[in-house]
Amino acid sequence: MYGSSAVCAYLKRGGLADYAWLSHSTAWSGYSSFADWNIKQGKRSPALSFSHDWNEARGDYGGFRVAGASASL
């Protein structure tokens, strides 16, 4: 799921979600202390000419591989 630290923590703790994509809602309580994220949204990139947020993924983040695709993709 994608949400604030409170939403991510609640749903993962309750077994209702396996993966958490932490939104960049830094003003919400618990943002900096929530460590159980799989993807963490970052600030917008000023270097690009279109709206684009940076995201950091770690470990098993819920991604998938197309059947038959090589591992180098």
PDB file of N, CA and C in Angstrom:
ATOM      1  N   MET A   1       0.828  -1.157   0.000  1.00  0.00           N
ATOM      2  CA  MET A   1       0.000   0.000   0.000  1.00  0.00           C
ATOM      3  C   MET A   1       0.878   1.227   0.000  1.00  0.00           C
ATOM      4  N   TYR A   2       0.297   2.338  -0.405  1.00  0.00           N
ATOM      5  CA  TYR A   2       0.992   3.626  -0.429  1.00  0.00           C
ATOM      6  C   TYR A   2       0.315   4.521   0.586  1.00  0.00           C
ATOM      7  N   GLY A   3       1.080   5.116   1.472  1.00  0.00           N
ATOM      8  CA  GLY A   3       0.464   6.012   2.436  1.00  0.00           C
ATOM      9  C   GLY A   3       1.458   6.588   3.419  1.00  0.00           C
ATOM     10  N   SER A   4       0.903   7.260   4.422  1.00  0.00           N
ATOM     11  CA  SER A   4       1.713   7.856   5.479  1.00  0.00           C
ATOM     12  C   SER A   4       2.262   6.751   6.376  1.00  0.00           C
ATOM     13  N   SER A   5       3.148   7.110   7.273  1.00  0.00           N
ATOM     14  CA  SER A   5       3.721   6.116   8.177  1.00  0.00           C
ATOM     15  C   SER A   5       2.655   5.478   9.058  1.00  0.00           C
ATOM     16  N   ALA A   6       1.661   6.237   9.480  1.00  0.00           N
ATOM     17  CA  ALA A   6       0.592   5.682  10.328  1.00  0.00           C
ATOM     18  C   ALA A   6      -0.210   4.627   9.573  1.00  0.00           C
ATOM     19  N   VAL A   7      -0.547   4.907   8.320  1.00  0.00           N
ATOM     20  CA  VAL A   7      -1.305   3.963   7.500  1.00  0.00           C
ATOM     21  C   VAL A   7      -0.463   2.725   7.210  1.00  0.00           C
ATOM     22  N   CYS A   8       0.787   2.924   6.802  1.00  0.00           N
ATOM     23  CA  CYS A   8       1.671   1.800   6.486  1.00  0.00           C
ATOM     24  C   CYS A   8       1.869   0.904   7.709  1.00  0.00           C
ATOM     25  N   ALA A   9       2.142   1.501   8.855  1.00  0.00           N
ATOM     26  CA  ALA A   9       2.380   0.724  10.075  1.00  0.00           C
ATOM     27  C   ALA A   9       1.130  -0.050  10.475  1.00  0.00           C
ATOM     28  N   TYR A  10      -0.011   0.586  10.422  1.00  0.00           N
ATOM     29  CA  TYR A  10      -1.261  -0.053  10.825  1.00  0.00           C
ATOM     30  C   TYR A  10      -1.586  -1.261   9.944  1.00  0.00           C
ATOM     31  N   LEU A  11      -1.493  -1.092   8.643  1.00  0.00           N
ATOM     32  CA  LEU A  11      -1.851  -2.167   7.726  1.00  0.00           C
ATOM     33  C   LEU A  11      -0.845  -3.318   7.749  1.00  0.00           C
ATOM     34  N   LYS A  12       0.452  -3.006   7.856  1.00  0.00           N
ATOM     35  CA  LYS A  12       1.443  -4.073   7.932  1.00  0.00           C
ATOM     36  C   LYS A  12       1.338  -4.815   9.270  1.00  0.00           C
ATOM     37  N   ARG A  13       1.170  -4.088  10.347  1.00  0.00           N
ATOM     38  CA  ARG A  13       1.061  -4.705  11.668  1.00  0.00           C
ATOM     39  C   ARG A  13      -0.166  -5.612  11.748  1.00  0.00           C
ATOM     40  N   GLY A  14      -1.242  -5.210  11.099  1.00  0.00           N
ATOM     41  CA  GLY A  14      -2.474  -5.996  11.104  1.00  0.00           C
ATOM     42  C   GLY A  14      -2.490  -7.129  10.095  1.00  0.00           C
ATOM     43  N   GLY A  15      -1.407  -7.277   9.326  1.00  0.00           N
ATOM     44  CA  GLY A  15      -1.332  -8.345   8.335  1.00  0.00           C
ATOM     45  C   GLY A  15      -2.197  -8.100   7.113  1.00  0.00           C
ATOM     46  N   LEU A  16      -2.590  -6.848   6.894  1.00  0.00           N
ATOM     47  CA  LEU A  16      -3.450  -6.505   5.763  1.00  0.00           C
ATOM     48  C   LEU A  16      -2.658  -6.083   4.530  1.00  0.00           C
ATOM     49  N   ALA A  17      -1.351  -5.902   4.690  1.00  0.00           N
ATOM     50  CA  ALA A  17      -0.486  -5.533   3.562  1.00  0.00           C
ATOM     51  C   ALA A  17       0.886  -6.144   3.790  1.00  0.00           C
ATOM     52  N   ASP A  18       1.517  -6.568   2.710  1.00  0.00           N
ATOM     53  CA  ASP A  18       2.855  -7.133   2.790  1.00  0.00           C
ATOM     54  C   ASP A  18       3.933  -6.099   2.497  1.00  0.00           C
ATOM     55  N   TYR A  19       3.595  -5.105   1.693  1.00  0.00           N
ATOM     56  CA  TYR A  19       4.567  -4.120   1.257  1.00  0.00           C
ATOM     57  C   TYR A  19       4.066  -2.715   1.554  1.00  0.00           C
ATOM     58  N   ALA A  20       4.995  -1.852   1.938  1.00  0.00           N
ATOM     59  CA  ALA A  20       4.652  -0.461   2.243  1.00  0.00           C
ATOM     60  C   ALA A  20       5.464   0.481   1.373  1.00  0.00           C
ATOM     61  N   TRP A  21       4.762   1.389   0.723  1.00  0.00           N
ATOM     62  CA  TRP A  21       5.399   2.463  -0.049  1.00  0.00           C
ATOM     63  C   TRP A  21       5.118   3.728   0.742  1.00  0.00           C
ATOM     64  N   LEU A  22       6.117   4.198   1.481  1.00  0.00           N
ATOM     65  CA  LEU A  22       5.968   5.344   2.376  1.00  0.00           C
ATOM     66  C   LEU A  22       5.947   6.639   1.590  1.00  0.00           C
ATOM     67  N   SER A  23       4.857   7.379   1.731  1.00  0.00           N
ATOM     68  CA  SER A  23       4.750   8.662   1.027  1.00  0.00           C
ATOM     69  C   SER A  23       5.684   9.679   1.677  1.00  0.00           C
ATOM     70  N   HIS A  24       6.011  10.690   0.938  1.00  0.00           N
ATOM     71  CA  HIS A  24       6.910  11.742   1.439  1.00  0.00           C
ATOM     72  C   HIS A  24       6.109  12.770   2.242  1.00  0.00           C
ATOM     73  N   SER A  25       5.306  12.282   3.152  1.00  0.00           N
ATOM     74  CA  SER A  25       4.491  13.154   4.015  1.00  0.00           C
ATOM     75  C   SER A  25       5.250  13.371   5.321  1.00  0.00           C
ATOM     76  N   THR A  26       6.326  14.144   5.234  1.00  0.00           N
ATOM     77  CA  THR A  26       7.243  14.322   6.355  1.00  0.00           C
ATOM     78  C   THR A  26       6.633  15.062   7.542  1.00  0.00           C
ATOM     79  N   ALA A  27       5.568  15.803   7.343  1.00  0.00           N
ATOM     80  CA  ALA A  27       4.937  16.536   8.440  1.00  0.00           C
ATOM     81  C   ALA A  27       4.081  15.636   9.326  1.00  0.00           C
ATOM     82  N   TRP A  28       3.728  14.462   8.838  1.00  0.00           N
ATOM     83  CA  TRP A  28       2.907  13.546   9.627  1.00  0.00           C
ATOM     84  C   TRP A  28       3.754  12.890  10.698  1.00  0.00           C
ATOM     85  N   SER A  29       3.165  12.696  11.847  1.00  0.00           N
ATOM     86  CA  SER A  29       3.827  12.066  12.978  1.00  0.00           C
ATOM     87  C   SER A  29       4.304  10.661  12.607  1.00  0.00           C
ATOM     88  N   GLY A  30       5.534  10.341  12.973  1.00  0.00           N
ATOM     89  CA  GLY A  30       6.073   9.005  12.750  1.00  0.00           C
ATOM     90  C   GLY A  30       6.824   8.814  11.457  1.00  0.00           C
ATOM     91  N   TYR A  31       6.863   9.830  10.612  1.00  0.00           N
ATOM     92  CA  TYR A  31       7.524   9.670   9.307  1.00  0.00           C
ATOM     93  C   TYR A  31       8.982   9.237   9.464  1.00  0.00           C
ATOM     94  N   SER A  32       9.734   9.957  10.276  1.00  0.00           N
ATOM     95  CA  SER A  32      11.170   9.675  10.380  1.00  0.00           C
ATOM     96  C   SER A  32      11.480   8.409  11.172  1.00  0.00           C
ATOM     97  N   SER A  33      10.552   7.934  11.982  1.00  0.00           N
ATOM     98  CA  SER A  33      10.822   6.742  12.788  1.00  0.00           C
ATOM     99  C   SER A  33      10.281   5.455  12.168  1.00  0.00           C
ATOM    100  N   PHE A  34       9.483   5.540  11.094  1.00  0.00           N
ATOM    101  CA  PHE A  34       8.936   4.338  10.464  1.00  0.00           C
ATOM    102  C   PHE A  34      10.016   3.680   9.617  1.00  0.00           C
ATOM    103  N   ALA A  35      10.443   2.495  10.011  1.00  0.00           N
ATOM    104  CA  ALA A  35      11.549   1.820   9.328  1.00  0.00           C
ATOM    105  C   ALA A  35      11.120   0.586   8.540  1.00  0.00           C
ATOM    106  N   ASP A  36       9.843   0.229   8.572  1.00  0.00           N
ATOM    107  CA  ASP A  36       9.380  -1.008   7.931  1.00  0.00           C
ATOM    108  C   ASP A  36       8.882  -0.776   6.504  1.00  0.00           C
ATOM    109  N   TRP A  37       9.434   0.212   5.813  1.00  0.00           N
ATOM    110  CA  TRP A  37       9.006   0.501   4.444  1.00  0.00           C
ATOM    111  C   TRP A  37       9.786  -0.360   3.459  1.00  0.00           C
ATOM    112  N   ASN A  38       9.165  -0.606   2.297  1.00  0.00           N
ATOM    113  CA  ASN A  38       9.816  -1.327   1.205  1.00  0.00           C
ATOM    114  C   ASN A  38      10.218  -0.352   0.102  1.00  0.00           C
ATOM    115  N   ILE A  39       9.411   0.681  -0.086  1.00  0.00           N
ATOM    116  CA  ILE A  39       9.725   1.777  -0.996  1.00  0.00           C
ATOM    117  C   ILE A  39       9.451   3.065  -0.232  1.00  0.00           C
ATOM    118  N   LYS A  40      10.350   4.027  -0.378  1.00  0.00           N
ATOM    119  CA  LYS A  40      10.198   5.311   0.312  1.00  0.00           C
ATOM    120  C   LYS A  40      10.254   6.423  -0.723  1.00  0.00           C
ATOM    121  N   GLN A  41       9.184   7.191  -0.787  1.00  0.00           N
ATOM    122  CA  GLN A  41       9.110   8.299  -1.736  1.00  0.00           C
ATOM    123  C   GLN A  41       9.991   9.439  -1.249  1.00  0.00           C
ATOM    124  N   GLY A  42      10.707  10.049  -2.176  1.00  0.00           N
ATOM    125  CA  GLY A  42      11.575  11.166  -1.836  1.00  0.00           C
ATOM    126  C   GLY A  42      11.059  12.474  -2.394  1.00  0.00           C
ATOM    127  N   LYS A  43      11.913  13.467  -2.331  1.00  0.00           N
ATOM    128  CA  LYS A  43      11.562  14.807  -2.820  1.00  0.00           C
ATOM    129  C   LYS A  43      11.499  14.826  -4.341  1.00  0.00           C
ATOM    130  N   ARG A  44      10.842  15.843  -4.853  1.00  0.00           N
ATOM    131  CA  ARG A  44      10.785  16.030  -6.309  1.00  0.00           C
ATOM    132  C   ARG A  44      12.146  16.435  -6.823  1.00  0.00           C
ATOM    133  N   SER A  45      12.428  16.019  -8.025  1.00  0.00           N
ATOM    134  CA  SER A  45      13.707  16.348  -8.643  1.00  0.00           C
ATOM    135  C   SER A  45      13.613  17.688  -9.368  1.00  0.00           C
ATOM    136  N   PRO A  46      14.398  18.671  -8.947  1.00  0.00           N
ATOM    137  CA  PRO A  46      14.375  19.961  -9.647  1.00  0.00           C
ATOM    138  C   PRO A  46      15.147  19.913 -10.967  1.00  0.00           C
ATOM    139  N   ALA A  47      15.896  18.838 -11.176  1.00  0.00           N
ATOM    140  CA  ALA A  47      16.730  18.740 -12.381  1.00  0.00           C
ATOM    141  C   ALA A  47      15.949  18.335 -13.621  1.00  0.00           C
ATOM    142  N   LEU A  48      14.740  17.850 -13.460  1.00  0.00           N
ATOM    143  CA  LEU A  48      13.967  17.392 -14.609  1.00  0.00           C
ATOM    144  C   LEU A  48      12.916  18.423 -14.998  1.00  0.00           C
ATOM    145  N   SER A  49      12.522  18.392 -16.248  1.00  0.00           N
ATOM    146  CA  SER A  49      11.550  19.375 -16.739  1.00  0.00           C
ATOM    147  C   SER A  49      10.111  18.922 -16.535  1.00  0.00           C
ATOM    148  N   PHE A  50       9.918  17.759 -15.891  1.00  0.00           N
ATOM    149  CA  PHE A  50       8.568  17.270 -15.607  1.00  0.00           C
ATOM    150  C   PHE A  50       8.509  16.846 -14.137  1.00  0.00           C
ATOM    151  N   SER A  51       7.316  16.741 -13.610  1.00  0.00           N
ATOM    152  CA  SER A  51       7.135  16.384 -12.214  1.00  0.00           C
ATOM    153  C   SER A  51       7.552  14.930 -11.974  1.00  0.00           C
ATOM    154  N   HIS A  52       8.549  14.727 -11.124  1.00  0.00           N
ATOM    155  CA  HIS A  52       9.074  13.388 -10.884  1.00  0.00           C
ATOM    156  C   HIS A  52       9.593  13.301  -9.452  1.00  0.00           C
ATOM    157  N   ASP A  53       9.072  12.363  -8.679  1.00  0.00           N
ATOM    158  CA  ASP A  53       9.563  12.121  -7.324  1.00  0.00           C
ATOM    159  C   ASP A  53      10.608  11.018  -7.365  1.00  0.00           C
ATOM    160  N   TRP A  54      11.631  11.140  -6.528  1.00  0.00           N
ATOM    161  CA  TRP A  54      12.615  10.081  -6.379  1.00  0.00           C
ATOM    162  C   TRP A  54      12.064   9.052  -5.417  1.00  0.00           C
ATOM    163  N   ASN A  55      12.333   7.791  -5.648  1.00  0.00           N
ATOM    164  CA  ASN A  55      11.901   6.718  -4.762  1.00  0.00           C
ATOM    165  C   ASN A  55      13.080   5.801  -4.495  1.00  0.00           C
ATOM    166  N   GLU A  56      13.152   5.309  -3.264  1.00  0.00           N
ATOM    167  CA  GLU A  56      14.195   4.371  -2.864  1.00  0.00           C
ATOM    168  C   GLU A  56      13.528   3.039  -2.531  1.00  0.00           C
ATOM    169  N   ALA A  57      14.008   1.968  -3.115  1.00  0.00           N
ATOM    170  CA  ALA A  57      13.470   0.635  -2.831  1.00  0.00           C
ATOM    171  C   ALA A  57      14.570  -0.180  -2.173  1.00  0.00           C
ATOM    172  N   ARG A  58      14.152  -1.072  -1.290  1.00  0.00           N
ATOM    173  CA  ARG A  58      15.135  -1.941  -0.637  1.00  0.00           C
ATOM    174  C   ARG A  58      14.543  -3.323  -0.421  1.00  0.00           C
ATOM    175  N   GLY A  59      15.429  -4.314  -0.428  1.00  0.00           N
ATOM    176  CA  GLY A  59      14.986  -5.688  -0.205  1.00  0.00           C
ATOM    177  C   GLY A  59      13.917  -6.121  -1.187  1.00  0.00           C
ATOM    178  N   ASP A  60      13.028  -6.955  -0.711  1.00  0.00           N
ATOM    179  CA  ASP A  60      11.897  -7.407  -1.520  1.00  0.00           C
ATOM    180  C   ASP A  60      10.827  -6.330  -1.436  1.00  0.00           C
ATOM    181  N   TYR A  61      10.651  -5.561  -2.492  1.00  0.00           N
ATOM    182  CA  TYR A  61       9.710  -4.446  -2.464  1.00  0.00           C
ATOM    183  C   TYR A  61       8.421  -4.725  -3.222  1.00  0.00           C
ATOM    184  N   GLY A  62       8.227  -5.970  -3.640  1.00  0.00           N
ATOM    185  CA  GLY A  62       6.991  -6.315  -4.325  1.00  0.00           C
ATOM    186  C   GLY A  62       7.052  -6.229  -5.832  1.00  0.00           C
ATOM    187  N   GLY A  63       8.248  -6.007  -6.368  1.00  0.00           N
ATOM    188  CA  GLY A  63       8.396  -5.941  -7.816  1.00  0.00           C
ATOM    189  C   GLY A  63       8.190  -7.312  -8.442  1.00  0.00           C
ATOM    190  N   PHE A  64       8.075  -7.356  -9.736  1.00  0.00           N
ATOM    191  CA  PHE A  64       7.882  -8.620 -10.421  1.00  0.00           C
ATOM    192  C   PHE A  64       8.735  -8.641 -11.666  1.00  0.00           C
ATOM    193  N   ARG A  65       8.950  -9.817 -12.192  1.00  0.00           N
ATOM    194  CA  ARG A  65       9.724 -10.001 -13.414  1.00  0.00           C
ATOM    195  C   ARG A  65       8.815 -10.646 -14.447  1.00  0.00           C
ATOM    196  N   VAL A  66       8.855 -10.180 -15.666  1.00  0.00           N
ATOM    197  CA  VAL A  66       8.071 -10.735 -16.749  1.00  0.00           C
ATOM    198  C   VAL A  66       8.601 -12.133 -17.048  1.00  0.00           C
ATOM    199  N   ALA A  67       7.709 -13.096 -17.173  1.00  0.00           N
ATOM    200  CA  ALA A  67       8.097 -14.476 -17.444  1.00  0.00           C
ATOM    201  C   ALA A  67       8.950 -14.537 -18.698  1.00  0.00           C
ATOM    202  N   GLY A  68      10.077 -15.224 -18.609  1.00  0.00           N
ATOM    203  CA  GLY A  68      10.965 -15.378 -19.753  1.00  0.00           C
ATOM    204  C   GLY A  68      11.957 -14.240 -19.937  1.00  0.00           C
ATOM    205  N   ALA A  69      11.826 -13.169 -19.149  1.00  0.00           N
ATOM    206  CA  ALA A  69      12.748 -12.047 -19.279  1.00  0.00           C
ATOM    207  C   ALA A  69      14.074 -12.385 -18.608  1.00  0.00           C
ATOM    208  N   SER A  70      15.152 -11.859 -19.136  1.00  0.00           N
ATOM    209  CA  SER A  70      16.455 -12.129 -18.542  1.00  0.00           C
ATOM    210  C   SER A  70      16.618 -11.357 -17.254  1.00  0.00           C
ATOM    211  N   ALA A  71      17.496 -11.821 -16.402  1.00  0.00           N
ATOM    212  CA  ALA A  71      17.724 -11.194 -15.097  1.00  0.00           C
ATOM    213  C   ALA A  71      18.385  -9.839 -15.238  1.00  0.00           C
ATOM    214  N   SER A  72      18.956  -9.515 -16.380  1.00  0.00           N
ATOM    215  CA  SER A  72      19.670  -8.252 -16.547  1.00  0.00           C
ATOM    216  C   SER A  72      18.729  -7.083 -16.845  1.00  0.00           C
ATOM    217  N   LEU A  73      17.443  -7.344 -17.022  1.00  0.00           N
ATOM    218  CA  LEU A  73      16.516  -6.257 -17.302  1.00  0.00           C
ATOM    219  C   LEU A  73      16.261  -5.410 -16.141  1.00  0.00           C
TER     220      LEU A  73
END
